[in-house]
Amino acid sequence: MVRWPVGIGLAAWRWLRGSRGVARRRLRTSVVAEIEQIPERGGDRLQHPRQGAGPAFQRRYTVRITGSPLSAEELIGRLCADINAASPVEFAVFDKTSGDSRCLDLGDEYDVHMPGPWNCPVRVVEREPRSFRFATLEGHIEAGEIEFRAVNTRDGDVVFTIESWARSGSRLADVLYDRLRIAKEMQLHMWTHFCSRVAEMAGGRVTGEVEVHTERAEVAGDSRLHAQHLTQVATTAFTRLFTTAARLRGGRPLHPKGLVCDATLLLHGTSRPWGVSFLDDAAELRGVARLSRSVGLPPPLPDVLGLALRWMQPADVSPGSGGGSPDGEPAVAELLLVTAGHGLLGRHLPRPAIRWSPAFYGSLLPYAAGDRRVFLGAVARRPCIVPAGDAALAGAVGESPLPLDLVIATEFGSWERFGELLLTGPARSDDSAPMRFAPARHQIPGLPPAGALQQIRGPAYAAVRQVAGPADDVTL
């Protein structure tokens, strides 16, 4: 217990320094099929992924080591001789509880001591010259197996990989891992740091970066899937509420009137890779923006202000990546933002405002960038002051482009700029040709909507479009 605060503090510091910026990509494998291929092991107390809770995960951490005097066999042998030499011992210590020799061997058991009210018992179920594999035992926070392996490349490098196939061992672990994501970040820190230490142990240097790939899949029969019924009930309720409001307000339950102007997105990426072209690549995208007052209160009364964006995807974006659709609709993407707070709580909540600029616009709801949930936003910065009225907005964008910073943040991270948005005139009303948005259909490639509320929003918007009738919801 004395080690917990020290271990968690050091791990959090290292996570902030390095692990937080590690690129996380998808494996795009069939996780359930991979788990089904795991053989039935002999022995007691084993926790197979089929016995776990929540979704199934396959994770792969890979590091390429250049200039090592050790071969793959020698590296694995040295790691088996002292696995704690590579483990971040302030965070995780492997303590052998069963086995005759000091070296790791088939059938040995370990308790992995971590900062928290649990130990993580494992058993060695495979030991080969270039690999070994642990299976989790009863009491471990995960149910599954994890393999450590090394291979020699033709050019003399050594590639070291850690790969796991697992589900959470209990409902509590599922909440900590997949809902709160605390255990997921702890795990990311542990294994990326482990890979870096293995490179040091090998006497070589890391080429590139530690690569992290993850795939997630729901498991048939998982009791957590019953929660989808609650989502369906909520979807029905919200759909009825929005369609009723649309009928009463002439087709728009919110943001009844707005101004449309041209938009240019100048993207340059961030200091960390996200594995998403919209966030990583430099590009200039053309589109339109609609600015509106949510309730429609007259200025100078405060109202939640909306900034809806639609732009053309680059020509190389395929329908399968989320940029278009199989039925031949234009390859467009959409993003809906409203004035909101920028703090950890405020980014989830709309905030009434009295100015278009300066103001902070946020997505409120998260998107999935690999295995991370992120929020998108736009910052209309000073010294440009534009009151929240149509005339003031039309005059401002007609005189000169209105600049906004495009920003991104993780659920608990700070905002980081990844581009600039320029709004240019002339501003025009869309009363005669209403613009309606369908962000669930026109997704940003690599950034699918995430979370239950995003699942509710899509059907609700679709129902409103049916009530409202034909609208300009795809053309630019």
Protein backbone atom coordinates (compact mmCIF):
# COMPACT_ATOMS: atom_id res chain seq x y z
CA MET A 1 0.00 0.00 0.00
CA VAL A 2 2.94 2.33 0.67
CA ARG A 3 4.08 1.83 -2.96
CA TRP A 4 0.71 2.81 -4.48
CA PRO A 5 0.93 6.62 -4.36
CA VAL A 6 4.59 6.60 -5.39
CA GLY A 7 4.00 4.16 -8.24
CA ILE A 8 0.90 5.92 -9.49
CA GLY A 9 2.64 9.30 -9.29
CA LEU A 10 5.68 8.15 -11.26
CA ALA A 11 3.51 6.33 -13.79
CA ALA A 12 1.31 9.40 -14.27
CA TRP A 13 4.38 11.60 -14.76
CA ARG A 14 5.84 9.24 -17.37
CA TRP A 15 2.45 8.92 -19.06
CA LEU A 16 2.22 12.70 -19.36
CA ARG A 17 5.78 12.85 -20.75
CA GLY A 18 5.52 10.14 -23.35
CA SER A 19 2.73 7.56 -23.38
CA ARG A 20 0.03 10.19 -23.84
CA GLY A 21 1.43 11.04 -27.26
CA VAL A 22 1.93 7.49 -28.51
CA ALA A 23 0.18 6.86 -31.83
CA ARG A 24 -2.61 4.32 -31.47
CA ARG A 25 -3.93 2.56 -34.54
CA ARG A 26 -6.41 -0.17 -35.33
CA LEU A 27 -5.38 -3.75 -35.97
CA ARG A 28 -8.46 -4.47 -38.09
CA THR A 29 -8.51 -8.13 -37.10
CA SER A 30 -11.39 -10.38 -36.12
CA VAL A 31 -10.81 -10.35 -32.38
CA VAL A 32 -13.41 -12.96 -31.48
CA ALA A 33 -12.04 -15.34 -34.13
CA GLU A 34 -8.51 -14.80 -32.81
CA ILE A 35 -9.66 -15.62 -29.29
CA GLU A 36 -11.44 -18.75 -30.49
CA GLN A 37 -8.08 -20.01 -31.79
CA ILE A 38 -6.53 -19.94 -28.31
CA PRO A 39 -6.24 -23.61 -27.29
CA GLU A 40 -7.76 -25.03 -24.15
CA ARG A 41 -4.99 -25.11 -21.55
CA GLY A 42 -4.59 -27.73 -18.90
CA GLY A 43 -4.45 -26.79 -15.25
CA ASP A 44 -6.70 -25.04 -12.78
CA ARG A 45 -7.59 -21.37 -12.12
CA LEU A 46 -7.05 -20.27 -15.73
CA GLN A 47 -9.17 -17.35 -16.95
CA HIS A 48 -9.98 -17.78 -20.64
CA PRO A 49 -11.31 -14.72 -22.51
CA ARG A 50 -14.62 -16.55 -22.95
CA GLN A 51 -15.05 -16.24 -19.17
CA GLY A 52 -14.42 -12.50 -19.09
CA ALA A 53 -16.73 -9.51 -19.08
CA GLY A 54 -17.32 -6.74 -21.60
CA PRO A 55 -15.82 -6.44 -25.09
CA ALA A 56 -12.83 -8.41 -26.34
CA PHE A 57 -9.53 -6.64 -27.06
CA GLN A 58 -6.51 -7.58 -29.12
CA ARG A 59 -3.52 -5.32 -28.49
CA ARG A 60 -0.10 -5.28 -30.09
CA TYR A 61 2.94 -3.25 -28.95
CA THR A 62 5.93 -3.40 -31.31
CA VAL A 63 9.41 -1.91 -31.21
CA ARG A 64 12.17 -2.22 -33.81
CA ILE A 65 15.67 -2.39 -32.33
CA THR A 66 18.69 -1.41 -34.42
CA GLY A 67 22.33 -2.06 -33.58
CA SER A 68 21.74 -4.76 -30.97
CA PRO A 69 24.52 -7.33 -30.45
CA LEU A 70 21.85 -9.82 -29.34
CA SER A 71 19.83 -12.09 -31.58
CA ALA A 72 16.11 -12.61 -31.02
CA GLU A 73 16.83 -15.88 -29.16
CA GLU A 74 19.43 -14.20 -26.93
CA LEU A 75 17.12 -11.27 -26.19
CA ILE A 76 14.25 -13.53 -25.12
CA GLY A 77 16.69 -15.60 -23.06
CA ARG A 78 17.95 -12.52 -21.25
CA LEU A 79 14.37 -11.33 -20.65
CA CYS A 80 13.41 -14.75 -19.24
CA ALA A 81 16.42 -14.60 -16.92
CA ASP A 82 15.14 -11.36 -15.35
CA ILE A 83 11.80 -10.06 -16.60
CA ASN A 84 11.87 -7.24 -14.04
CA ALA A 85 14.87 -5.76 -15.86
CA ALA A 86 12.40 -4.54 -18.51
CA SER A 87 9.36 -3.90 -16.33
CA PRO A 88 8.71 -0.40 -14.92
CA VAL A 89 9.22 -1.67 -11.36
CA GLU A 90 7.80 1.45 -9.72
CA PHE A 91 4.55 0.39 -11.38
CA ALA A 92 4.67 -3.40 -11.92
CA VAL A 93 6.88 -6.05 -10.32
CA PHE A 94 6.88 -9.71 -11.43
CA ASP A 95 7.16 -11.91 -8.32
CA LYS A 96 7.62 -15.65 -8.99
CA THR A 97 5.31 -17.70 -6.76
CA SER A 98 5.76 -21.12 -8.35
CA GLY A 99 8.74 -22.63 -10.19
CA ASP A 100 12.07 -24.23 -9.41
CA SER A 101 14.55 -22.10 -11.30
CA ARG A 102 15.16 -18.37 -11.28
CA CYS A 103 14.59 -18.15 -15.03
CA LEU A 104 11.13 -18.04 -16.51
CA ASP A 105 10.04 -21.53 -17.61
CA LEU A 106 6.95 -23.42 -18.69
CA GLY A 107 4.46 -23.80 -15.83
CA ASP A 108 5.94 -21.05 -13.66
CA GLU A 109 3.51 -18.69 -11.94
CA TYR A 110 3.96 -15.02 -11.11
CA ASP A 111 2.11 -12.36 -9.19
CA VAL A 112 2.37 -9.04 -10.99
CA HIS A 113 2.22 -6.46 -8.20
CA MET A 114 0.69 -3.17 -9.35
CA PRO A 115 -0.36 0.05 -7.55
CA GLY A 116 -3.94 -0.77 -6.63
CA PRO A 117 -5.99 -3.14 -4.46
CA TRP A 118 -5.10 -6.20 -6.57
CA ASN A 119 -2.33 -8.47 -7.74
CA CYS A 120 -2.38 -9.98 -11.21
CA PRO A 121 -1.49 -13.70 -11.11
CA VAL A 122 -0.29 -15.31 -14.37
CA ARG A 123 1.09 -18.67 -15.51
CA VAL A 124 3.62 -19.41 -18.25
CA VAL A 125 1.72 -21.57 -20.75
CA GLU A 126 4.21 -21.45 -23.65
CA ARG A 127 7.99 -21.11 -23.76
CA GLU A 128 9.86 -21.17 -27.07
CA PRO A 129 13.37 -19.95 -27.99
CA ARG A 130 11.98 -16.69 -29.38
CA SER A 131 8.80 -16.27 -27.33
CA PHE A 132 6.89 -17.01 -24.18
CA ARG A 133 3.26 -16.58 -23.22
CA PHE A 134 1.34 -15.92 -20.00
CA ALA A 135 -2.26 -16.90 -19.27
CA THR A 136 -4.15 -15.01 -16.56
CA LEU A 137 -5.30 -16.79 -13.41
CA GLU A 138 -8.26 -16.23 -11.10
CA GLY A 139 -8.02 -12.82 -9.46
CA HIS A 140 -6.38 -11.12 -12.46
CA ILE A 141 -8.13 -8.00 -13.72
CA GLU A 142 -8.10 -9.51 -17.22
CA ALA A 143 -9.10 -12.87 -18.65
CA GLY A 144 -6.87 -13.94 -21.51
CA GLU A 145 -3.31 -14.44 -22.69
CA ILE A 146 -0.33 -12.25 -23.53
CA GLU A 147 2.68 -13.19 -25.64
CA PHE A 148 6.21 -11.74 -25.73
CA ARG A 149 8.20 -12.53 -28.88
CA ALA A 150 11.18 -11.38 -30.90
CA VAL A 151 12.22 -11.97 -34.52
CA ASN A 152 15.40 -11.30 -36.47
CA THR A 153 15.01 -9.20 -39.61
CA ARG A 154 16.99 -9.60 -42.83
CA ASP A 155 18.80 -6.29 -42.27
CA GLY A 156 20.08 -7.32 -38.84
CA ASP A 157 17.48 -5.60 -36.65
CA VAL A 158 15.40 -7.27 -33.96
CA VAL A 159 11.65 -6.66 -33.73
CA PHE A 160 10.16 -7.18 -30.27
CA THR A 161 6.39 -7.53 -29.86
CA ILE A 162 3.95 -7.84 -26.98
CA GLU A 163 0.51 -9.07 -28.05
CA SER A 164 -2.53 -9.86 -25.93
CA TRP A 165 -5.99 -11.32 -26.43
CA ALA A 166 -8.23 -10.61 -23.47
CA ARG A 167 -11.44 -9.35 -21.91
CA SER A 168 -11.89 -7.70 -18.54
CA GLY A 169 -11.86 -10.21 -15.70
CA SER A 170 -14.90 -8.70 -13.94
CA ARG A 171 -17.54 -6.00 -14.30
CA LEU A 172 -15.49 -3.66 -12.11
CA ALA A 173 -12.44 -4.16 -14.31
CA ASP A 174 -14.59 -3.54 -17.38
CA VAL A 175 -15.72 -0.20 -15.95
CA LEU A 176 -12.13 0.81 -15.10
CA TYR A 177 -10.84 -0.25 -18.51
CA ASP A 178 -13.48 0.39 -21.15
CA ARG A 179 -15.67 3.00 -19.46
CA LEU A 180 -13.39 5.16 -17.32
CA ARG A 181 -10.29 4.13 -19.37
CA ILE A 182 -8.06 4.39 -16.32
CA ALA A 183 -6.78 0.82 -16.58
CA LYS A 184 -6.32 1.23 -20.34
CA GLU A 185 -3.93 4.16 -19.89
CA MET A 186 -2.10 2.35 -17.09
CA GLN A 187 -1.67 -0.64 -19.39
CA LEU A 188 -0.50 1.53 -22.28
CA HIS A 189 2.15 3.13 -20.09
CA MET A 190 3.34 -0.22 -18.75
CA TRP A 191 3.84 -2.00 -22.07
CA THR A 192 5.23 0.93 -24.09
CA HIS A 193 7.74 1.53 -21.30
CA PHE A 194 8.48 -2.21 -21.23
CA CYS A 195 9.26 -2.15 -24.97
CA SER A 196 11.64 0.77 -24.53
CA ARG A 197 13.41 -1.01 -21.68
CA VAL A 198 13.76 -4.16 -23.80
CA ALA A 199 15.56 -2.06 -26.43
CA GLU A 200 17.96 -0.83 -23.73
CA MET A 201 18.45 -4.39 -22.51
CA ALA A 202 19.28 -5.43 -26.07
CA GLY A 203 22.02 -2.80 -26.25
CA GLY A 204 20.47 -1.20 -29.34
CA ARG A 205 18.39 1.83 -30.18
CA VAL A 206 14.72 2.20 -31.03
CA THR A 207 14.05 2.85 -34.71
CA GLY A 208 10.95 4.98 -35.15
CA GLU A 209 8.58 4.69 -32.22
CA VAL A 210 6.81 2.05 -30.18
CA GLU A 211 3.83 1.12 -32.35
CA VAL A 212 0.52 0.44 -30.63
CA HIS A 213 -2.32 -1.31 -32.43
CA THR A 214 -5.64 -2.23 -30.86
CA GLU A 215 -8.84 -3.87 -32.00
CA ARG A 216 -12.07 -4.06 -30.02
CA ALA A 217 -15.14 -6.24 -30.57
CA GLU A 218 -18.35 -6.90 -28.73
CA VAL A 219 -18.92 -10.49 -27.66
CA ALA A 220 -22.24 -12.23 -28.32
CA GLY A 221 -24.01 -13.10 -25.09
CA ASP A 222 -22.29 -10.39 -23.07
CA SER A 223 -24.83 -9.12 -20.56
CA ARG A 224 -23.56 -5.57 -21.08
CA LEU A 225 -25.15 -5.63 -24.53
CA HIS A 226 -28.54 -5.54 -22.83
CA ALA A 227 -27.78 -1.88 -22.13
CA GLN A 228 -28.42 -1.31 -25.82
CA HIS A 229 -32.12 -1.77 -25.09
CA LEU A 230 -31.94 1.31 -22.84
CA THR A 231 -30.26 3.19 -25.68
CA GLN A 232 -33.10 2.17 -28.01
CA VAL A 233 -35.67 3.44 -25.50
CA ALA A 234 -33.80 6.74 -25.16
CA THR A 235 -33.51 7.00 -28.95
CA THR A 236 -37.27 6.58 -29.35
CA ALA A 237 -37.99 9.20 -26.69
CA PHE A 238 -35.57 11.76 -28.14
CA THR A 239 -36.79 11.12 -31.67
CA ARG A 240 -40.39 11.80 -30.68
CA LEU A 241 -39.38 14.91 -28.77
CA PHE A 242 -37.38 16.32 -31.70
CA THR A 243 -39.97 15.48 -34.36
CA THR A 244 -42.72 17.10 -32.29
CA ALA A 245 -40.60 20.22 -31.86
CA ALA A 246 -39.83 20.20 -35.60
CA ARG A 247 -43.53 20.17 -36.48
CA LEU A 248 -44.24 23.01 -34.06
CA ARG A 249 -41.31 25.12 -35.30
CA GLY A 250 -41.71 24.68 -39.01
CA GLY A 251 -39.13 21.97 -39.61
CA ARG A 252 -36.32 22.85 -37.21
CA PRO A 253 -36.50 21.96 -33.52
CA LEU A 254 -33.31 23.98 -32.89
CA HIS A 255 -31.28 26.56 -34.80
CA PRO A 256 -34.30 27.75 -36.84
CA LYS A 257 -32.55 30.61 -38.64
CA GLY A 258 -28.96 31.02 -39.65
CA LEU A 259 -26.44 32.57 -41.99
CA VAL A 260 -24.33 30.57 -44.42
CA CYS A 261 -20.82 31.57 -45.50
CA ASP A 262 -17.86 29.97 -47.22
CA ALA A 263 -15.39 28.04 -45.07
CA THR A 264 -11.77 27.05 -45.59
CA LEU A 265 -10.09 24.52 -43.30
CA LEU A 266 -6.29 24.87 -43.20
CA LEU A 267 -4.99 21.73 -41.47
CA HIS A 268 -1.43 21.22 -40.23
CA GLY A 269 -1.64 18.48 -37.59
CA THR A 270 -0.56 18.41 -33.94
CA SER A 271 2.57 17.57 -32.00
CA ARG A 272 1.42 13.97 -31.62
CA PRO A 273 0.18 11.45 -34.20
CA TRP A 274 -3.45 10.36 -34.01
CA GLY A 275 -3.61 7.90 -36.90
CA VAL A 276 -6.33 10.03 -38.52
CA SER A 277 -5.60 12.01 -41.70
CA PHE A 278 -7.91 14.87 -40.66
CA LEU A 279 -5.80 15.40 -37.53
CA ASP A 280 -2.35 14.44 -38.83
CA ASP A 281 -2.05 15.64 -42.43
CA ALA A 282 -1.52 19.08 -43.90
CA ALA A 283 -4.43 19.94 -46.18
CA GLU A 284 -6.64 22.76 -47.41
CA LEU A 285 -10.33 21.82 -47.49
CA ARG A 286 -13.15 23.92 -48.92
CA GLY A 287 -16.67 23.95 -47.59
CA VAL A 288 -19.48 25.97 -46.05
CA ALA A 289 -20.46 26.98 -42.54
CA ARG A 290 -23.83 27.77 -41.03
CA LEU A 291 -23.95 29.95 -37.91
CA SER A 292 -27.15 30.11 -35.93
CA ARG A 293 -28.79 30.76 -32.60
CA SER A 294 -30.02 27.53 -30.98
CA VAL A 295 -33.33 28.63 -29.42
CA GLY A 296 -33.71 31.66 -31.65
CA LEU A 297 -33.83 34.28 -28.91
CA PRO A 298 -33.30 37.80 -30.27
CA PRO A 299 -30.03 39.60 -29.54
CA PRO A 300 -28.72 40.88 -27.24
CA LEU A 301 -30.18 38.02 -25.17
CA PRO A 302 -27.67 35.16 -24.69
CA ASP A 303 -28.28 31.97 -26.65
CA VAL A 304 -26.35 28.79 -27.40
CA LEU A 305 -24.65 29.58 -30.70
CA GLY A 306 -24.10 26.92 -33.35
CA LEU A 307 -21.34 26.48 -35.89
CA ALA A 308 -22.12 23.73 -38.43
CA LEU A 309 -19.40 22.81 -40.93
CA ARG A 310 -19.53 20.84 -44.17
CA TRP A 311 -16.57 20.31 -46.46
CA MET A 312 -15.46 18.22 -49.39
CA GLN A 313 -13.24 15.26 -48.64
CA PRO A 314 -9.92 14.89 -50.47
CA ALA A 315 -10.19 12.96 -53.73
CA ASP A 316 -8.36 9.91 -52.33
CA VAL A 317 -10.89 9.34 -49.53
CA SER A 318 -12.79 6.17 -50.27
CA PRO A 319 -16.40 5.47 -49.27
CA GLY A 320 -15.28 2.67 -46.98
CA SER A 321 -13.24 5.08 -44.88
CA GLY A 322 -16.26 7.11 -43.90
CA GLY A 323 -15.85 9.92 -46.41
CA GLY A 324 -18.64 8.93 -48.75
CA SER A 325 -21.34 6.30 -49.03
CA PRO A 326 -21.94 3.25 -51.21
CA ASP A 327 -24.98 4.84 -52.84
CA GLY A 328 -22.88 7.51 -54.53
CA GLU A 329 -23.57 10.50 -52.27
CA PRO A 330 -20.97 13.28 -52.46
CA ALA A 331 -17.84 12.67 -50.40
CA VAL A 332 -18.50 15.24 -47.74
CA ALA A 333 -17.88 15.41 -44.01
CA GLU A 334 -19.73 17.38 -41.37
CA LEU A 335 -19.00 18.66 -37.88
CA LEU A 336 -21.47 20.31 -35.52
CA LEU A 337 -20.19 22.65 -32.80
CA VAL A 338 -21.90 24.88 -30.26
CA THR A 339 -20.66 27.40 -27.74
CA ALA A 340 -19.45 25.47 -24.73
CA GLY A 341 -16.94 25.49 -21.91
CA HIS A 342 -13.40 24.29 -22.51
CA GLY A 343 -12.71 22.69 -19.10
CA LEU A 344 -13.02 18.99 -18.28
CA LEU A 345 -16.69 19.38 -17.34
CA GLY A 346 -17.54 22.40 -19.49
CA ARG A 347 -16.59 20.66 -22.75
CA HIS A 348 -19.63 18.40 -22.24
CA LEU A 349 -22.09 21.26 -21.68
CA PRO A 350 -23.50 23.98 -23.96
CA ARG A 351 -22.94 27.57 -22.84
CA PRO A 352 -25.07 30.56 -23.87
CA ALA A 353 -23.07 33.39 -25.43
CA ILE A 354 -23.65 36.95 -26.64
CA ARG A 355 -20.85 37.07 -29.25
CA TRP A 356 -19.88 35.02 -32.27
CA SER A 357 -16.35 36.06 -31.49
CA PRO A 358 -14.47 35.70 -29.22
CA ALA A 359 -16.05 32.37 -28.27
CA PHE A 360 -15.28 28.69 -27.82
CA TYR A 361 -17.25 26.15 -29.88
CA GLY A 362 -17.12 22.47 -28.93
CA SER A 363 -18.52 19.18 -30.18
CA LEU A 364 -19.97 18.29 -26.71
CA LEU A 365 -19.99 14.63 -27.75
CA PRO A 366 -16.85 12.53 -28.32
CA TYR A 367 -15.38 10.88 -31.38
CA ALA A 368 -13.20 7.76 -31.52
CA ALA A 369 -9.62 8.25 -32.71
CA GLY A 370 -8.32 4.69 -32.51
CA ASP A 371 -8.87 3.60 -28.91
CA ARG A 372 -9.06 7.19 -27.62
CA ARG A 373 -12.10 9.39 -27.29
CA VAL A 374 -11.55 12.95 -28.39
CA PHE A 375 -13.46 16.21 -28.54
CA LEU A 376 -13.21 18.71 -31.37
CA GLY A 377 -13.57 22.45 -31.10
CA ALA A 378 -13.03 25.84 -32.70
CA VAL A 379 -11.81 28.99 -30.96
CA ALA A 380 -12.85 32.37 -32.32
CA ARG A 381 -10.01 34.41 -30.91
CA ARG A 382 -9.56 38.02 -29.92
CA PRO A 383 -9.31 40.84 -30.88
CA CYS A 384 -12.13 40.19 -33.36
CA ILE A 385 -15.37 41.07 -31.54
CA VAL A 386 -18.61 40.15 -33.32
CA PRO A 387 -21.94 40.43 -31.44
CA ALA A 388 -24.30 37.45 -31.88
CA GLY A 389 -26.60 39.04 -34.43
CA ASP A 390 -27.07 38.34 -38.14
CA ALA A 391 -26.22 41.85 -39.26
CA ALA A 392 -23.02 41.99 -37.22
CA LEU A 393 -21.91 38.59 -38.51
CA ALA A 394 -22.67 39.45 -42.14
CA GLY A 395 -20.75 42.69 -41.81
CA ALA A 396 -17.76 41.03 -40.17
CA VAL A 397 -17.27 38.21 -42.71
CA GLY A 398 -18.02 40.57 -45.58
CA GLU A 399 -15.22 42.88 -44.52
CA SER A 400 -12.52 40.26 -43.84
CA PRO A 401 -12.26 36.52 -43.10
CA LEU A 402 -13.26 35.53 -39.55
CA PRO A 403 -10.46 33.25 -38.19
CA LEU A 404 -10.94 30.40 -35.74
CA ASP A 405 -8.42 27.89 -34.40
CA LEU A 406 -9.38 24.23 -34.85
CA VAL A 407 -8.52 22.31 -31.67
CA ILE A 408 -8.69 18.78 -30.28
CA ALA A 409 -8.54 17.30 -26.78
CA THR A 410 -8.84 13.88 -25.21
CA GLU A 411 -11.41 13.29 -22.47
CA PHE A 412 -9.03 14.48 -19.75
CA GLY A 413 -6.41 16.32 -21.80
CA SER A 414 -5.74 19.90 -22.73
CA TRP A 415 -6.75 21.44 -26.06
CA GLU A 416 -4.24 21.45 -28.89
CA ARG A 417 -4.43 23.31 -32.18
CA PHE A 418 -4.45 21.24 -35.38
CA GLY A 419 -5.57 23.82 -37.95
CA GLU A 420 -7.35 27.04 -38.76
CA LEU A 421 -10.87 27.75 -39.98
CA LEU A 422 -11.55 30.85 -42.08
CA LEU A 423 -15.12 32.05 -42.57
CA THR A 424 -15.54 34.38 -45.54
CA GLY A 425 -18.45 36.30 -47.01
CA PRO A 426 -20.76 37.12 -48.41
CA ALA A 427 -23.02 35.71 -45.71
CA ARG A 428 -26.46 34.63 -46.92
CA SER A 429 -29.62 33.27 -45.40
CA ASP A 430 -30.66 29.69 -46.10
CA ASP A 431 -34.41 30.31 -45.62
CA SER A 432 -35.21 29.55 -49.26
CA ALA A 433 -32.93 26.46 -49.45
CA PRO A 434 -32.58 25.12 -45.89
CA MET A 435 -29.32 23.41 -45.00
CA ARG A 436 -29.67 20.40 -42.76
CA PHE A 437 -26.82 18.33 -41.46
CA ALA A 438 -26.42 14.58 -40.98
CA PRO A 439 -23.09 14.05 -39.18
CA ALA A 440 -23.87 10.38 -38.57
CA ARG A 441 -24.05 9.81 -42.36
CA HIS A 442 -21.28 12.24 -43.33
CA GLN A 443 -18.57 11.21 -40.90
CA ILE A 444 -15.02 12.47 -40.78
CA PRO A 445 -12.84 9.58 -42.04
CA GLY A 446 -11.21 7.85 -39.09
CA LEU A 447 -13.30 9.76 -36.53
CA PRO A 448 -16.56 7.85 -35.99
CA PRO A 449 -18.98 9.20 -33.39
CA ALA A 450 -18.49 7.49 -30.01
CA GLY A 451 -20.79 6.92 -27.06
CA ALA A 452 -24.47 6.30 -26.43
CA LEU A 453 -25.55 9.91 -27.02
CA GLN A 454 -23.96 9.87 -30.47
CA GLN A 455 -26.00 6.75 -31.24
CA ILE A 456 -29.14 8.61 -30.24
CA ARG A 457 -28.36 11.72 -32.29
CA GLY A 458 -28.22 9.97 -35.68
CA PRO A 459 -31.77 8.51 -35.67
CA ALA A 460 -33.17 11.71 -34.15
CA TYR A 461 -31.67 13.85 -36.93
CA ALA A 462 -32.92 11.42 -39.58
CA ALA A 463 -36.46 11.61 -38.20
CA VAL A 464 -36.37 15.40 -38.21
CA ARG A 465 -35.31 15.43 -41.87
CA GLN A 466 -38.33 13.30 -42.76
CA VAL A 467 -40.63 15.72 -40.95
CA ALA A 468 -39.00 18.78 -42.50
CA GLY A 469 -39.10 17.48 -46.06
CA PRO A 470 -36.50 18.04 -48.81
CA ALA A 471 -33.49 20.08 -47.84
CA ASP A 472 -30.00 20.92 -49.02
CA ASP A 473 -28.18 18.38 -46.88
CA VAL A 474 -25.37 17.27 -49.18
CA THR A 475 -24.43 19.86 -51.80
CA LEU A 476 -21.75 22.46 -51.40
